[in-house]
Amino acid sequence: MSDSPHIGPGFDEFLEEQGIYAEVNETAVKRVLAWQIAELMREQRISKTAMAKRLATSRSAIDRLLDPENDAITLQTLLKVAQTLGKRLSLRFV
């Protein structure tokens, strides 16, 4: 017998049972991406205005990029953001 207080299915299984796994996962991924981009901008002292200029876009587009609720972000945009911040974009299936 395990000493773990964990009883029942895992959280992923619970979300699947509720029929919301894909939606919750998508939201979580976008929030992490928005947070990572904002942190890199902060570390490199890049303002939203400067980032918009580097990406040849508008400040409102940067606001949407950093909005954890806005999931309309393309792979092309993520690649441009990574390059602009001196990083590589790494995606994987697990």
C-alpha atoms as a PDB file:
ATOM      1  CA  MET A   1       0.000   0.000   0.000  1.00  0.00           C
ATOM      2  CA  SER A   2       1.282   3.437  -0.928  1.00  0.00           C
ATOM      3  CA  ASP A   3       1.710   6.246   1.611  1.00  0.00           C
ATOM      4  CA  SER A   4       0.448   8.701  -1.022  1.00  0.00           C
ATOM      5  CA  PRO A   5      -2.746  10.546  -0.103  1.00  0.00           C
ATOM      6  CA  HIS A   6      -3.575  10.646  -3.825  1.00  0.00           C
ATOM      7  CA  ILE A   7      -6.793   8.790  -4.504  1.00  0.00           C
ATOM      8  CA  GLY A   8      -8.531   8.427  -7.846  1.00  0.00           C
ATOM      9  CA  PRO A   9      -7.545   9.453 -11.350  1.00  0.00           C
ATOM     10  CA  GLY A  10      -5.026  12.150 -12.158  1.00  0.00           C
ATOM     11  CA  PHE A  11      -5.928  15.716 -12.950  1.00  0.00           C
ATOM     12  CA  ASP A  12      -5.636  15.149 -16.708  1.00  0.00           C
ATOM     13  CA  GLU A  13      -8.091  12.273 -16.475  1.00  0.00           C
ATOM     14  CA  PHE A  14     -10.470  14.440 -14.453  1.00  0.00           C
ATOM     15  CA  LEU A  15     -10.353  17.182 -17.090  1.00  0.00           C
ATOM     16  CA  GLU A  16     -10.950  14.603 -19.823  1.00  0.00           C
ATOM     17  CA  GLU A  17     -13.951  13.240 -17.939  1.00  0.00           C
ATOM     18  CA  GLN A  18     -15.326  16.779 -17.718  1.00  0.00           C
ATOM     19  CA  GLY A  19     -14.756  17.236 -21.459  1.00  0.00           C
ATOM     20  CA  ILE A  20     -12.531  20.286 -20.971  1.00  0.00           C
ATOM     21  CA  TYR A  21      -9.001  18.882 -21.227  1.00  0.00           C
ATOM     22  CA  ALA A  22      -8.194  20.402 -24.635  1.00  0.00           C
ATOM     23  CA  GLU A  23      -9.544  23.832 -23.682  1.00  0.00           C
ATOM     24  CA  VAL A  24      -7.703  23.926 -20.343  1.00  0.00           C
ATOM     25  CA  ASN A  25      -4.476  22.699 -21.928  1.00  0.00           C
ATOM     26  CA  GLU A  26      -4.670  25.315 -24.700  1.00  0.00           C
ATOM     27  CA  THR A  27      -5.235  28.083 -22.152  1.00  0.00           C
ATOM     28  CA  ALA A  28      -2.339  26.863 -20.012  1.00  0.00           C
ATOM     29  CA  VAL A  29       0.052  26.763 -22.968  1.00  0.00           C
ATOM     30  CA  LYS A  30      -0.892  30.295 -24.046  1.00  0.00           C
ATOM     31  CA  ARG A  31      -0.495  31.634 -20.508  1.00  0.00           C
ATOM     32  CA  VAL A  32       2.962  30.098 -20.216  1.00  0.00           C
ATOM     33  CA  LEU A  33       4.015  31.505 -23.598  1.00  0.00           C
ATOM     34  CA  ALA A  34       2.731  34.979 -22.734  1.00  0.00           C
ATOM     35  CA  TRP A  35       4.522  34.860 -19.381  1.00  0.00           C
ATOM     36  CA  GLN A  36       7.796  33.661 -20.937  1.00  0.00           C
ATOM     37  CA  ILE A  37       7.725  36.388 -23.589  1.00  0.00           C
ATOM     38  CA  ALA A  38       6.938  39.066 -21.002  1.00  0.00           C
ATOM     39  CA  GLU A  39       9.768  37.823 -18.763  1.00  0.00           C
ATOM     40  CA  LEU A  40      12.278  37.849 -21.624  1.00  0.00           C
ATOM     41  CA  MET A  41      11.198  41.352 -22.575  1.00  0.00           C
ATOM     42  CA  ARG A  42      11.569  42.457 -18.950  1.00  0.00           C
ATOM     43  CA  GLU A  43      15.004  40.829 -18.595  1.00  0.00           C
ATOM     44  CA  GLN A  44      16.198  42.442 -21.826  1.00  0.00           C
ATOM     45  CA  ARG A  45      14.519  45.752 -20.949  1.00  0.00           C
ATOM     46  CA  ILE A  46      12.460  45.783 -24.122  1.00  0.00           C
ATOM     47  CA  SER A  47       9.300  47.852 -23.930  1.00  0.00           C
ATOM     48  CA  LYS A  48       6.105  46.916 -25.736  1.00  0.00           C
ATOM     49  CA  THR A  49       6.668  49.829 -28.101  1.00  0.00           C
ATOM     50  CA  ALA A  50      10.230  48.717 -28.858  1.00  0.00           C
ATOM     51  CA  MET A  51       9.080  45.124 -29.348  1.00  0.00           C
ATOM     52  CA  ALA A  52       6.388  46.277 -31.758  1.00  0.00           C
ATOM     53  CA  LYS A  53       8.972  48.220 -33.731  1.00  0.00           C
ATOM     54  CA  ARG A  54      11.348  45.236 -33.879  1.00  0.00           C
ATOM     55  CA  LEU A  55       8.551  42.990 -35.102  1.00  0.00           C
ATOM     56  CA  ALA A  56       7.215  45.619 -37.518  1.00  0.00           C
ATOM     57  CA  THR A  57       3.799  45.493 -35.907  1.00  0.00           C
ATOM     58  CA  SER A  58       1.594  47.604 -33.658  1.00  0.00           C
ATOM     59  CA  ARG A  59       1.659  48.044 -29.904  1.00  0.00           C
ATOM     60  CA  SER A  60      -1.860  46.597 -29.776  1.00  0.00           C
ATOM     61  CA  ALA A  61      -0.551  43.448 -31.487  1.00  0.00           C
ATOM     62  CA  ILE A  62       2.034  43.128 -28.703  1.00  0.00           C
ATOM     63  CA  ASP A  63      -0.727  43.591 -26.134  1.00  0.00           C
ATOM     64  CA  ARG A  64      -2.606  40.700 -27.773  1.00  0.00           C
ATOM     65  CA  LEU A  65       0.573  38.603 -27.839  1.00  0.00           C
ATOM     66  CA  LEU A  66       1.063  39.144 -24.100  1.00  0.00           C
ATOM     67  CA  ASP A  67      -2.610  38.648 -23.247  1.00  0.00           C
ATOM     68  CA  PRO A  68      -2.865  35.177 -21.674  1.00  0.00           C
ATOM     69  CA  GLU A  69      -6.529  34.985 -22.681  1.00  0.00           C
ATOM     70  CA  ASN A  70      -5.881  35.651 -26.374  1.00  0.00           C
ATOM     71  CA  ASP A  71      -5.068  32.340 -28.052  1.00  0.00           C
ATOM     72  CA  ALA A  72      -4.825  33.694 -31.598  1.00  0.00           C
ATOM     73  CA  ILE A  73      -1.076  33.391 -32.061  1.00  0.00           C
ATOM     74  CA  THR A  74       0.573  31.793 -35.041  1.00  0.00           C
ATOM     75  CA  LEU A  75       3.684  29.675 -35.257  1.00  0.00           C
ATOM     76  CA  GLN A  76       5.169  32.287 -37.581  1.00  0.00           C
ATOM     77  CA  THR A  77       4.646  34.971 -34.932  1.00  0.00           C
ATOM     78  CA  LEU A  78       6.226  32.811 -32.239  1.00  0.00           C
ATOM     79  CA  LEU A  79       9.249  32.181 -34.463  1.00  0.00           C
ATOM     80  CA  LYS A  80       9.653  35.926 -35.118  1.00  0.00           C
ATOM     81  CA  VAL A  81       9.315  36.711 -31.412  1.00  0.00           C
ATOM     82  CA  ALA A  82      11.920  34.081 -30.496  1.00  0.00           C
ATOM     83  CA  GLN A  83      14.355  35.436 -33.078  1.00  0.00           C
ATOM     84  CA  THR A  84      13.762  39.016 -31.930  1.00  0.00           C
ATOM     85  CA  LEU A  85      14.514  37.989 -28.344  1.00  0.00           C
ATOM     86  CA  GLY A  86      17.626  36.047 -29.358  1.00  0.00           C
ATOM     87  CA  LYS A  87      16.050  32.700 -28.547  1.00  0.00           C
ATOM     88  CA  ARG A  88      15.034  29.554 -30.384  1.00  0.00           C
ATOM     89  CA  LEU A  89      11.488  28.262 -30.326  1.00  0.00           C
ATOM     90  CA  SER A  90      11.300  24.639 -29.231  1.00  0.00           C
ATOM     91  CA  LEU A  91       8.092  22.644 -29.623  1.00  0.00           C
ATOM     92  CA  ARG A  92       7.572  18.980 -28.879  1.00  0.00           C
ATOM     93  CA  PHE A  93       4.888  16.358 -28.618  1.00  0.00           C
ATOM     94  CA  VAL A  94       4.778  14.434 -25.358  1.00  0.00           C
END
